[in-house]
Amino acid sequence: MASAILANIKEEVTCPICLEFMIEPMSIDCGHIFCQACITSSYKFNMGTGSESNCPVCQSPYKFENLRLHRHMVNIVQSLKKATLSSKEQNVHHCARHGEKLQLFCKDDEEVICWLCERSQQHCGHNTCLLEEVAQEYQNKLQAALDKLRKNKEESEKWKAELQQDKTSWQTQIQGKIQNVQADFTQWKGILDSEEEKVLQKLKREEEDGLQALAVSENELTQQSKLVTELISDVEHQLEGSTMEMLQDVNTIMRRCELLTMKKPIPFPKKEQTVFPITGLRGVLRAFQELTDARQYWVHVRVTTNDDWRIDISKNQRKIRYQYTPVFSPKPSSICRDHFFPAQKVHKKVVGFSQNAFQLPGNNLPLLGVLGALVITSGKHYWEVDVSKKTSWLLGLSDGRHFRCRPSHDHTVYEVPRPKTGYWIIGMEDKSGCKAFGEDPTTHSPLSLPLSLPVALERVGVFVDYQAGSVSFYSTTYNAFLIYRFTNCAFPCEVYPYFNPLQCPEPMILC
């Protein structure tokens, strides 16, 4: 019954417009009460539409200026709110089944109960205790669970960040591949357009040559046909005359008929091979495919530090430059020019320093170059080097034996670089043309192989297939092509990328 009375009171203090407890209840002329905000909003709406101000409940007219605050209703609303809160608090702390105060905790069922619940069959024999006794225990458990959940959330956020990073990295990678593919196809479109133009020009020249030859033959046939026509006319005219006229000068006519010889035009030669003359393009496409496959194994190579003061390495370890600073040179003409393992120094002992050479340590020693900070023991590896500005350079692969055994200043034996001495390299010396430093397959003696290249080298790609025992060098600019390939290489356990700037001051740049 008390609840019914409370419900009636709640209905009386509820605003008919917003159906919530009244806030600042205002009474109008007819006696109905509304929230100040609600009745004000209703009045403004009526004024905006040109309607009269009527009570939202009974439709009686009222004057807005007669609105008065209903203080008695304000007190009732505040009291009712307190009573409602008290009722809610009572429901929380008392057993809904027995109405008794909740003071116990059942550990078996993990729920709050009253003393009657403890004696009921549902909780009979269960482990129960006072709320105060288990509060700290379960607070610790809840705190531990909260810490774990927070840790899980942090880990989840971390995974999310990593996933986002992977997503960004993957998109960047794919975009890079898309750009590479577009660049490759743009390059090949240019190559194909160029090749097409060459083929079409060649076919055009062949067409013109053929038509010219046919025109000559046609002219000859025209002349022959003219002579035959004239002779036929003369013979017909001879036959149409009298016997005397026919026999007169018959010898001349017959002589002309006997001397007339028809000459057949020379057959026009047909060149089937010129219909689709792009065999060279197929080779270019094959080389380009090889280069594309090799680039899948690209590694970012940096060079190791070196102890040769004549070779300068940039801070990012990607530029190798020859630097030579003379200290004293009484006779410049007698300066000893260092070359990398020159032929005249093979098996030659170098003792001491020349008095006329630059007085700097290691002046009369050859440049050994530098190694890349990449130890190759298996697999496939590819890198590129920019040599576009250089007139002298060497690059390729080395087993590093000469770097482990540094030459002394007083007694050193130098050998020409070749596979037997642990070098698989190509290079150029003083604009003398690109060479491969190989060896005779029978005697294994040093052999410099001049390389015929269609264009000057700018970027050189190096591809190492350790298991296959091969080192391939590619030109990667303009029309891609294979420069040279070492095969059947007997690699030791470890090999390294090799770079030597020689005496050219321009840098080698690792791409």
Protein backbone atom coordinates (compact mmCIF):
# COMPACT_ATOMS: atom_id res chain seq x y z
CA MET A 1 0.00 0.00 0.00
CA ALA A 2 2.89 2.30 0.82
CA SER A 3 4.29 1.70 -2.63
CA ALA A 4 0.95 2.58 -4.24
CA ILE A 5 0.80 5.87 -2.32
CA LEU A 6 4.40 6.61 -3.34
CA ALA A 7 3.52 5.92 -6.95
CA ASN A 8 0.55 8.33 -6.80
CA ILE A 9 2.71 11.05 -5.31
CA LYS A 10 5.33 10.48 -8.04
CA GLU A 11 2.64 10.92 -10.65
CA GLU A 12 1.58 14.24 -9.10
CA VAL A 13 5.09 15.68 -9.16
CA THR A 14 5.82 14.47 -12.72
CA CYS A 15 5.80 17.13 -15.43
CA PRO A 16 3.04 16.39 -18.02
CA ILE A 17 5.37 17.54 -20.81
CA CYS A 18 8.76 15.88 -20.15
CA LEU A 19 7.35 13.11 -17.84
CA GLU A 20 10.23 13.62 -15.38
CA PHE A 21 10.36 15.02 -11.85
CA MET A 22 9.55 18.71 -12.10
CA ILE A 23 12.48 21.11 -12.11
CA GLU A 24 11.58 24.63 -10.90
CA PRO A 25 7.80 23.87 -11.05
CA MET A 26 5.74 26.79 -12.42
CA SER A 27 1.93 27.18 -11.93
CA ILE A 28 -0.22 28.70 -14.71
CA ASP A 29 -3.66 30.32 -14.53
CA CYS A 30 -5.64 27.05 -14.75
CA GLY A 31 -3.66 25.53 -11.84
CA HIS A 32 -1.64 22.95 -13.72
CA ILE A 33 2.06 22.79 -12.93
CA PHE A 34 4.99 22.27 -15.34
CA CYS A 35 8.76 22.55 -15.40
CA GLN A 36 9.79 26.11 -16.06
CA ALA A 37 11.81 25.06 -19.13
CA CYS A 38 8.94 22.94 -20.50
CA ILE A 39 6.18 25.55 -20.22
CA THR A 40 8.53 28.26 -21.55
CA SER A 41 9.37 26.11 -24.57
CA SER A 42 5.65 25.44 -25.17
CA TYR A 43 4.83 29.16 -24.97
CA LYS A 44 7.59 30.09 -27.45
CA PHE A 45 6.40 27.41 -29.85
CA ASN A 46 2.81 28.77 -29.75
CA MET A 47 4.03 32.33 -30.26
CA GLY A 48 6.13 31.21 -33.23
CA THR A 49 3.18 29.53 -34.91
CA GLY A 50 0.72 32.37 -34.12
CA SER A 51 -1.40 30.19 -31.81
CA GLU A 52 -2.85 31.18 -28.49
CA SER A 53 -1.12 30.25 -25.25
CA ASN A 54 -3.22 27.34 -24.01
CA CYS A 55 -2.54 24.88 -21.21
CA PRO A 56 -0.94 21.67 -22.65
CA VAL A 57 -3.23 19.62 -20.38
CA CYS A 58 -6.71 21.29 -20.40
CA GLN A 59 -6.23 23.74 -23.32
CA SER A 60 -7.34 26.71 -21.12
CA PRO A 61 -5.82 30.04 -22.14
CA TYR A 62 -3.22 31.57 -19.81
CA LYS A 63 -0.96 34.55 -19.65
CA PHE A 64 2.75 33.81 -19.59
CA GLU A 65 3.49 36.76 -17.35
CA ASN A 66 1.22 35.23 -14.65
CA LEU A 67 3.51 32.19 -14.19
CA ARG A 68 4.50 31.72 -10.53
CA LEU A 69 7.02 29.41 -8.87
CA HIS A 70 5.19 26.66 -6.92
CA ARG A 71 7.40 26.44 -3.79
CA HIS A 72 5.28 23.79 -2.13
CA MET A 73 5.73 21.53 -5.13
CA VAL A 74 9.52 22.15 -5.00
CA ASN A 75 9.62 20.79 -1.42
CA ILE A 76 7.52 17.75 -2.35
CA VAL A 77 9.84 16.88 -5.30
CA GLN A 78 12.97 17.12 -3.09
CA SER A 79 11.41 14.95 -0.36
CA LEU A 80 10.26 12.38 -2.90
CA LYS A 81 13.74 12.17 -4.44
CA LYS A 82 15.24 11.46 -1.00
CA ALA A 83 12.61 8.81 -0.32
CA THR A 84 13.33 7.13 -3.66
CA LEU A 85 17.08 7.06 -2.99
CA SER A 86 16.44 5.63 0.48
CA SER A 87 14.22 2.95 -1.05
CA LYS A 88 16.88 2.00 -3.57
CA GLU A 89 19.52 1.80 -0.84
CA GLN A 90 17.21 -0.44 1.21
CA ASN A 91 16.74 -2.76 -1.77
CA VAL A 92 20.49 -3.05 -2.26
CA HIS A 93 21.33 -3.93 1.36
CA HIS A 94 18.43 -6.23 2.24
CA CYS A 95 17.70 -9.70 1.05
CA ALA A 96 15.09 -9.65 -1.69
CA ARG A 97 13.84 -13.07 -0.56
CA HIS A 98 13.73 -12.73 3.23
CA GLY A 99 13.93 -8.97 3.81
CA GLU A 100 16.81 -9.45 6.22
CA LYS A 101 20.00 -7.45 6.13
CA LEU A 102 22.70 -8.85 3.89
CA GLN A 103 25.65 -9.51 6.20
CA LEU A 104 27.11 -12.84 5.03
CA PHE A 105 29.04 -14.06 2.01
CA CYS A 106 28.84 -17.61 0.61
CA LYS A 107 32.27 -18.55 -0.76
CA ASP A 108 30.95 -21.65 -2.51
CA ASP A 109 28.40 -19.71 -4.57
CA GLU A 110 30.27 -16.38 -4.29
CA GLU A 111 27.19 -14.31 -3.46
CA VAL A 112 25.98 -12.07 -0.62
CA ILE A 113 23.29 -13.68 1.61
CA CYS A 114 21.38 -13.07 4.83
CA TRP A 115 21.30 -15.30 7.95
CA LEU A 116 18.11 -17.00 6.77
CA CYS A 117 19.72 -17.79 3.39
CA GLU A 118 22.61 -19.40 5.30
CA ARG A 119 20.17 -21.78 7.05
CA SER A 120 18.26 -22.57 3.89
CA GLN A 121 18.75 -25.80 1.98
CA GLN A 122 20.37 -23.88 -0.88
CA HIS A 123 23.38 -22.80 1.22
CA CYS A 124 23.34 -25.51 3.90
CA GLY A 125 26.87 -26.70 4.64
CA HIS A 126 28.49 -24.01 2.52
CA ASN A 127 31.53 -22.02 3.65
CA THR A 128 30.13 -18.67 4.78
CA CYS A 129 31.65 -15.69 6.58
CA LEU A 130 30.95 -12.05 7.39
CA LEU A 131 31.23 -9.49 4.61
CA GLU A 132 33.96 -7.64 6.49
CA GLU A 133 36.09 -10.81 6.63
CA VAL A 134 36.14 -11.40 2.87
CA ALA A 135 36.01 -7.79 1.69
CA GLN A 136 39.81 -7.38 1.58
CA GLU A 137 40.34 -10.80 -0.01
CA TYR A 138 37.93 -10.15 -2.84
CA GLN A 139 39.08 -6.60 -3.19
CA ASN A 140 42.58 -7.96 -3.79
CA LYS A 141 41.20 -10.51 -6.25
CA LEU A 142 39.25 -7.85 -8.09
CA GLN A 143 42.27 -5.55 -8.10
CA ALA A 144 44.42 -8.37 -9.51
CA ALA A 145 41.78 -9.07 -12.15
CA LEU A 146 41.62 -5.35 -12.95
CA ASP A 147 45.43 -5.17 -13.26
CA LYS A 148 45.38 -8.20 -15.56
CA LEU A 149 42.62 -6.69 -17.67
CA ARG A 150 44.49 -3.41 -17.91
CA LYS A 151 47.64 -5.30 -18.87
CA ASN A 152 45.67 -7.21 -21.48
CA LYS A 153 44.28 -3.93 -22.77
CA GLU A 154 47.79 -2.44 -22.96
CA GLU A 155 49.02 -5.54 -24.77
CA SER A 156 46.03 -5.36 -27.07
CA GLU A 157 46.80 -1.71 -27.80
CA LYS A 158 50.43 -2.67 -28.42
CA TRP A 159 49.35 -5.43 -30.81
CA LYS A 160 47.02 -2.98 -32.49
CA ALA A 161 49.89 -0.50 -32.93
CA GLU A 162 52.14 -3.25 -34.28
CA LEU A 163 49.37 -4.38 -36.62
CA GLN A 164 48.92 -0.81 -37.81
CA GLN A 165 52.67 -0.53 -38.28
CA ASP A 166 52.69 -3.79 -40.25
CA LYS A 167 49.77 -2.48 -42.31
CA THR A 168 51.59 0.75 -43.06
CA SER A 169 54.82 -1.12 -43.82
CA TRP A 170 52.99 -3.54 -46.09
CA GLN A 171 51.25 -0.71 -47.92
CA THR A 172 54.58 1.09 -48.30
CA GLN A 173 56.18 -2.10 -49.60
CA ILE A 174 53.39 -2.71 -52.08
CA GLN A 175 53.44 0.93 -53.20
CA GLY A 176 57.19 0.62 -53.72
CA LYS A 177 56.66 -2.49 -55.83
CA ILE A 178 53.90 -0.72 -57.76
CA GLN A 179 56.24 2.19 -58.46
CA ASN A 180 59.01 -0.20 -59.52
CA VAL A 181 56.64 -2.08 -61.82
CA GLN A 182 55.36 1.17 -63.31
CA ALA A 183 58.92 2.41 -63.78
CA ASP A 184 59.96 -0.88 -65.39
CA PHE A 185 57.01 -0.90 -67.74
CA THR A 186 57.53 2.77 -68.57
CA GLN A 187 61.12 1.93 -69.40
CA TRP A 188 60.05 -1.01 -71.51
CA LYS A 189 57.40 1.00 -73.27
CA GLY A 190 60.17 3.38 -74.29
CA ILE A 191 62.34 0.47 -75.40
CA LEU A 192 59.51 -1.13 -77.34
CA ASP A 193 58.58 2.19 -78.95
CA SER A 194 62.23 2.68 -79.95
CA GLU A 195 62.52 -0.85 -81.29
CA GLU A 196 59.23 -0.49 -83.15
CA GLU A 197 60.45 2.72 -84.76
CA LYS A 198 63.69 1.02 -85.83
CA VAL A 199 61.84 -1.96 -87.30
CA LEU A 200 59.31 0.23 -89.11
CA GLN A 201 62.09 2.41 -90.54
CA LYS A 202 63.92 -0.66 -91.75
CA LEU A 203 60.77 -2.06 -93.34
CA LYS A 204 60.10 1.33 -94.92
CA ARG A 205 63.59 1.37 -96.43
CA GLU A 206 63.09 -2.17 -97.72
CA GLU A 207 59.76 -1.14 -99.23
CA GLU A 208 61.35 1.83 -100.98
CA ASP A 209 64.26 -0.28 -102.28
CA GLY A 210 61.86 -2.96 -103.54
CA LEU A 211 59.58 -0.46 -105.24
CA GLN A 212 62.57 1.21 -106.87
CA ALA A 213 63.82 -2.13 -108.24
CA LEU A 214 60.31 -2.98 -109.46
CA ALA A 215 60.06 0.44 -111.13
CA VAL A 216 63.29 -0.21 -113.07
CA SER A 217 61.99 -3.61 -114.23
CA GLU A 218 58.64 -2.08 -115.15
CA ASN A 219 60.35 0.62 -117.21
CA GLU A 220 62.39 -2.01 -119.07
CA LEU A 221 59.23 -4.00 -119.86
CA THR A 222 57.53 -0.83 -121.11
CA GLN A 223 60.40 -0.12 -123.49
CA GLN A 224 60.37 -3.73 -124.75
CA SER A 225 56.59 -3.62 -125.25
CA LYS A 226 56.93 -0.38 -127.22
CA LEU A 227 59.50 -1.94 -129.58
CA VAL A 228 57.33 -5.05 -130.12
CA THR A 229 54.27 -2.90 -130.84
CA GLU A 230 56.16 -0.82 -133.41
CA LEU A 231 57.54 -3.95 -135.13
CA ILE A 232 54.06 -5.58 -135.25
CA SER A 233 52.70 -2.43 -136.92
CA ASP A 234 55.50 -2.46 -139.52
CA VAL A 235 55.00 -6.17 -140.32
CA GLU A 236 51.22 -5.71 -140.66
CA HIS A 237 51.80 -2.74 -142.97
CA GLN A 238 54.23 -4.86 -145.06
CA LEU A 239 51.63 -7.61 -145.43
CA GLU A 240 48.86 -5.23 -146.49
CA GLY A 241 50.77 -4.00 -149.58
CA SER A 242 51.17 -5.56 -153.03
CA THR A 243 53.59 -8.34 -153.76
CA MET A 244 56.16 -5.84 -154.88
CA GLU A 245 55.66 -3.71 -151.79
CA MET A 246 55.72 -6.81 -149.50
CA LEU A 247 58.97 -8.11 -150.92
CA GLN A 248 60.62 -4.76 -151.11
CA ASP A 249 62.80 -4.26 -147.97
CA VAL A 250 61.54 -7.62 -146.61
CA ASN A 251 65.12 -8.41 -145.62
CA THR A 252 65.16 -5.40 -143.28
CA ILE A 253 61.88 -6.38 -141.65
CA MET A 254 62.98 -9.99 -141.16
CA ARG A 255 66.31 -8.86 -139.77
CA ARG A 256 64.55 -6.70 -137.21
CA CYS A 257 62.28 -9.61 -136.17
CA GLU A 258 65.28 -11.89 -135.77
CA LEU A 259 67.22 -9.39 -133.72
CA LEU A 260 64.32 -8.69 -131.37
CA THR A 261 64.96 -10.50 -128.05
CA MET A 262 62.57 -10.35 -125.09
CA LYS A 263 64.27 -9.93 -121.71
CA LYS A 264 62.44 -11.17 -118.64
CA PRO A 265 62.74 -8.91 -115.55
CA ILE A 266 64.98 -10.13 -112.74
CA PRO A 267 62.77 -11.76 -110.04
CA PHE A 268 62.31 -9.53 -107.01
CA PRO A 269 64.06 -11.05 -103.93
CA LYS A 270 61.77 -11.65 -100.93
CA LYS A 271 63.44 -11.42 -97.50
CA GLU A 272 61.37 -13.39 -95.05
CA GLN A 273 63.70 -12.65 -92.14
CA THR A 274 62.93 -8.94 -92.25
CA VAL A 275 59.25 -9.43 -91.45
CA PHE A 276 59.90 -9.53 -87.68
CA PRO A 277 63.57 -8.66 -87.09
CA ILE A 278 63.60 -8.21 -83.29
CA THR A 279 65.78 -11.10 -82.20
CA GLY A 280 67.97 -8.60 -80.33
CA LEU A 281 64.93 -7.36 -78.44
CA ARG A 282 64.24 -10.88 -77.24
CA GLY A 283 67.75 -10.96 -75.79
CA VAL A 284 67.16 -7.62 -74.10
CA LEU A 285 63.90 -8.92 -72.63
CA ARG A 286 65.68 -12.03 -71.42
CA ALA A 287 68.39 -9.93 -69.72
CA PHE A 288 65.75 -7.67 -68.24
CA GLN A 289 63.92 -10.70 -66.82
CA GLU A 290 67.17 -11.97 -65.30
CA LEU A 291 67.76 -8.56 -63.70
CA THR A 292 64.18 -8.42 -62.40
CA ASP A 293 64.59 -11.86 -60.82
CA ALA A 294 67.95 -10.88 -59.29
CA ARG A 295 66.53 -7.70 -57.78
CA GLN A 296 64.23 -9.81 -55.61
CA TYR A 297 67.32 -10.57 -53.51
CA TRP A 298 68.38 -6.94 -52.99
CA VAL A 299 70.43 -6.35 -49.83
CA HIS A 300 71.39 -2.94 -48.45
CA VAL A 301 75.18 -3.12 -48.34
CA ARG A 302 77.39 -0.78 -46.35
CA VAL A 303 81.18 -0.81 -46.35
CA THR A 304 83.41 -1.65 -43.40
CA THR A 305 85.92 0.80 -41.99
CA ASN A 306 89.40 0.60 -43.46
CA ASP A 307 92.92 1.49 -42.37
CA ASP A 308 94.10 2.89 -45.71
CA TRP A 309 94.26 6.66 -45.34
CA ARG A 310 93.94 7.09 -49.10
CA ILE A 311 90.36 5.75 -49.13
CA ASP A 312 87.69 7.96 -47.62
CA ILE A 313 84.38 6.43 -46.48
CA SER A 314 81.35 8.65 -45.85
CA LYS A 315 79.56 8.64 -42.50
CA ASN A 316 76.65 6.62 -43.87
CA GLN A 317 79.18 4.08 -45.22
CA ARG A 318 77.76 4.29 -48.73
CA LYS A 319 80.32 6.47 -50.54
CA ILE A 320 83.89 5.34 -51.22
CA ARG A 321 86.31 7.97 -52.48
CA TYR A 322 90.03 8.10 -53.28
CA GLN A 323 91.82 10.99 -51.57
CA TYR A 324 95.49 11.82 -52.07
CA THR A 325 97.17 14.66 -50.18
CA PRO A 326 100.89 15.06 -51.04
CA VAL A 327 103.28 16.23 -48.32
CA PHE A 328 106.54 16.61 -50.24
CA SER A 329 107.58 15.85 -53.80
CA PRO A 330 111.01 17.15 -54.96
CA LYS A 331 110.62 15.48 -58.36
CA PRO A 332 106.97 15.16 -59.42
CA SER A 333 107.97 13.30 -62.57
CA SER A 334 109.25 10.42 -60.50
CA ILE A 335 106.06 10.02 -58.43
CA CYS A 336 105.07 6.38 -58.18
CA ARG A 337 101.50 5.94 -59.44
CA ASP A 338 99.73 3.23 -57.43
CA HIS A 339 97.61 0.79 -59.38
CA PHE A 340 95.68 -2.09 -57.99
CA PHE A 341 97.94 -5.12 -58.35
CA PRO A 342 99.58 -3.95 -61.64
CA ALA A 343 101.03 -6.67 -63.82
CA GLN A 344 104.60 -5.43 -63.42
CA LYS A 345 104.38 -6.00 -59.65
CA VAL A 346 103.39 -9.67 -59.84
CA HIS A 347 105.76 -11.68 -57.62
CA LYS A 348 107.86 -8.55 -57.21
CA LYS A 349 109.27 -7.58 -53.84
CA VAL A 350 108.79 -3.96 -52.79
CA VAL A 351 111.43 -2.83 -50.32
CA GLY A 352 111.29 0.51 -48.47
CA PHE A 353 110.12 3.83 -49.95
CA SER A 354 111.37 5.91 -52.87
CA GLN A 355 113.09 9.12 -51.83
CA ASN A 356 111.20 10.99 -54.55
CA ALA A 357 107.76 9.63 -53.66
CA PHE A 358 105.30 11.32 -51.32
CA GLN A 359 106.63 10.77 -47.85
CA LEU A 360 103.47 9.25 -46.43
CA PRO A 361 102.93 5.77 -44.96
CA GLY A 362 101.84 3.24 -47.54
CA ASN A 363 102.51 5.52 -50.53
CA ASN A 364 104.12 2.79 -52.62
CA LEU A 365 101.49 0.19 -51.74
CA PRO A 366 98.51 -0.55 -53.97
CA LEU A 367 94.97 0.26 -52.93
CA LEU A 368 93.41 -2.87 -51.51
CA GLY A 369 89.91 -1.36 -51.60
CA VAL A 370 87.25 -2.03 -48.97
CA LEU A 371 84.86 -4.86 -48.16
CA GLY A 372 81.11 -4.65 -47.68
CA ALA A 373 79.71 -5.33 -44.21
CA LEU A 374 77.89 -8.40 -45.52
CA VAL A 375 79.19 -11.91 -44.90
CA ILE A 376 77.95 -14.23 -47.65
CA THR A 377 77.96 -17.91 -46.75
CA SER A 378 74.90 -19.09 -48.69
CA GLY A 379 71.85 -17.97 -50.65
CA LYS A 380 71.38 -15.25 -53.25
CA HIS A 381 72.33 -11.56 -52.84
CA TYR A 382 72.07 -8.48 -55.06
CA TRP A 383 73.27 -4.87 -54.77
CA GLU A 384 73.93 -1.92 -57.10
CA VAL A 385 76.78 0.58 -57.35
CA ASP A 386 76.75 3.99 -59.06
CA VAL A 387 79.99 4.50 -61.06
CA SER A 388 78.59 7.09 -63.48
CA LYS A 389 81.19 9.77 -62.64
CA LYS A 390 84.23 7.52 -62.30
CA THR A 391 86.98 6.83 -64.85
CA SER A 392 88.65 4.12 -62.74
CA TRP A 393 87.02 1.57 -60.44
CA LEU A 394 86.81 -2.08 -59.45
CA LEU A 395 83.93 -3.94 -57.86
CA GLY A 396 82.61 -7.44 -57.34
CA LEU A 397 83.32 -10.14 -54.77
CA SER A 398 86.32 -11.00 -52.59
CA ASP A 399 87.16 -13.66 -50.04
CA GLY A 400 89.02 -11.03 -47.98
CA ARG A 401 92.31 -12.89 -47.68
CA HIS A 402 94.40 -9.81 -48.53
CA PHE A 403 92.53 -7.85 -45.87
CA ARG A 404 93.32 -10.44 -43.20
CA CYS A 405 97.00 -10.44 -44.22
CA ARG A 406 97.93 -6.78 -44.59
CA PRO A 407 101.09 -6.21 -46.68
CA SER A 408 104.12 -4.89 -44.85
CA HIS A 409 106.05 -1.85 -46.04
CA ASP A 410 109.35 -3.59 -46.45
CA HIS A 411 108.61 -6.93 -48.06
CA THR A 412 105.38 -7.72 -49.89
CA VAL A 413 104.33 -9.91 -52.81
CA TYR A 414 101.39 -8.70 -54.91
CA GLU A 415 99.32 -10.79 -57.30
CA VAL A 416 96.97 -9.84 -60.09
CA PRO A 417 93.32 -10.12 -58.93
CA ARG A 418 91.54 -13.17 -60.30
CA PRO A 419 89.38 -16.01 -58.93
CA LYS A 420 92.47 -17.99 -57.87
CA THR A 421 93.56 -15.14 -55.59
CA GLY A 422 90.05 -14.65 -54.19
CA TYR A 423 88.66 -11.94 -56.49
CA TRP A 424 85.68 -12.10 -58.85
CA ILE A 425 85.66 -8.53 -60.11
CA ILE A 426 85.24 -6.27 -63.14
CA GLY A 427 86.43 -2.72 -63.51
CA MET A 428 87.97 0.08 -65.55
CA GLU A 429 91.36 1.78 -65.33
CA ASP A 430 91.90 5.30 -66.69
CA LYS A 431 89.06 5.16 -69.23
CA SER A 432 90.73 2.16 -70.89
CA GLY A 433 87.45 0.30 -71.16
CA CYS A 434 85.68 -2.17 -68.91
CA LYS A 435 87.43 -5.46 -68.20
CA ALA A 436 86.75 -8.69 -66.37
CA PHE A 437 89.68 -9.95 -64.30
CA GLY A 438 89.59 -13.67 -64.97
CA GLU A 439 92.10 -16.41 -65.60
CA ASP A 440 93.03 -18.95 -68.24
CA PRO A 441 90.89 -22.08 -67.64
CA THR A 442 93.87 -24.36 -68.33
CA THR A 443 96.86 -22.62 -66.76
CA HIS A 444 94.90 -20.42 -64.29
CA SER A 445 97.19 -17.55 -65.25
CA PRO A 446 95.77 -13.98 -64.99
CA LEU A 447 93.66 -12.91 -67.92
CA SER A 448 92.11 -9.46 -68.47
CA LEU A 449 89.07 -9.80 -70.69
CA PRO A 450 88.01 -6.59 -72.51
CA LEU A 451 84.23 -6.22 -72.44
CA SER A 452 82.35 -4.80 -75.41
CA LEU A 453 79.51 -2.68 -74.07
CA PRO A 454 76.78 -0.91 -76.08
CA VAL A 455 76.68 2.06 -73.67
CA ALA A 456 78.83 3.54 -70.93
CA LEU A 457 78.16 2.04 -67.52
CA GLU A 458 76.41 4.18 -64.91
CA ARG A 459 74.88 1.77 -62.41
CA VAL A 460 76.19 -1.77 -62.06
CA GLY A 461 74.15 -4.51 -60.41
CA VAL A 462 76.01 -7.41 -58.76
CA PHE A 463 74.18 -10.72 -58.24
CA VAL A 464 75.77 -13.54 -56.25
CA ASP A 465 74.31 -17.05 -56.25
CA TYR A 466 76.45 -18.82 -53.67
CA GLN A 467 75.06 -22.33 -54.22
CA ALA A 468 75.29 -22.04 -58.03
CA GLY A 469 78.81 -20.62 -57.77
CA SER A 470 78.17 -17.60 -59.99
CA VAL A 471 78.71 -13.83 -59.90
CA SER A 472 76.77 -11.79 -62.48
CA PHE A 473 77.20 -8.13 -63.37
CA TYR A 474 74.36 -6.15 -64.99
CA SER A 475 74.00 -2.69 -66.45
CA THR A 476 70.79 -1.39 -64.86
CA THR A 477 70.35 1.88 -66.79
CA TYR A 478 68.89 2.33 -70.26
CA ASN A 479 68.57 -1.09 -71.91
CA ALA A 480 69.40 -3.59 -69.16
CA PHE A 481 72.00 -6.13 -70.23
CA LEU A 482 74.40 -8.66 -68.77
CA ILE A 483 77.94 -7.24 -68.56
CA TYR A 484 79.80 -10.40 -67.49
CA ARG A 485 79.28 -13.56 -65.46
CA PHE A 486 81.75 -15.68 -63.50
CA THR A 487 80.58 -19.31 -63.40
CA ASN A 488 81.71 -22.47 -61.60
CA CYS A 489 83.22 -20.34 -58.85
CA ALA A 490 84.81 -22.27 -55.98
CA PHE A 491 83.77 -19.93 -53.18
CA PRO A 492 85.41 -20.33 -49.75
CA CYS A 493 83.34 -20.39 -46.56
CA GLU A 494 82.93 -16.62 -46.55
CA VAL A 495 82.93 -14.00 -49.30
CA TYR A 496 82.22 -10.26 -49.17
CA PRO A 497 81.14 -7.43 -51.50
CA TYR A 498 84.24 -5.64 -52.77
CA PHE A 499 84.77 -2.01 -53.82
CA ASN A 500 87.88 -0.13 -54.98
CA PRO A 501 87.80 3.54 -56.11
CA LEU A 502 91.35 3.35 -57.60
CA GLN A 503 92.93 6.75 -58.27
CA CYS A 504 89.76 8.46 -59.52
CA PRO A 505 88.64 11.06 -56.91
CA GLU A 506 84.96 10.73 -57.82
CA PRO A 507 83.00 8.52 -55.38
CA MET A 508 81.55 5.06 -55.82
CA ILE A 509 78.03 5.15 -54.39
CA LEU A 510 76.16 2.17 -52.99
CA CYS A 511 72.58 2.48 -54.20
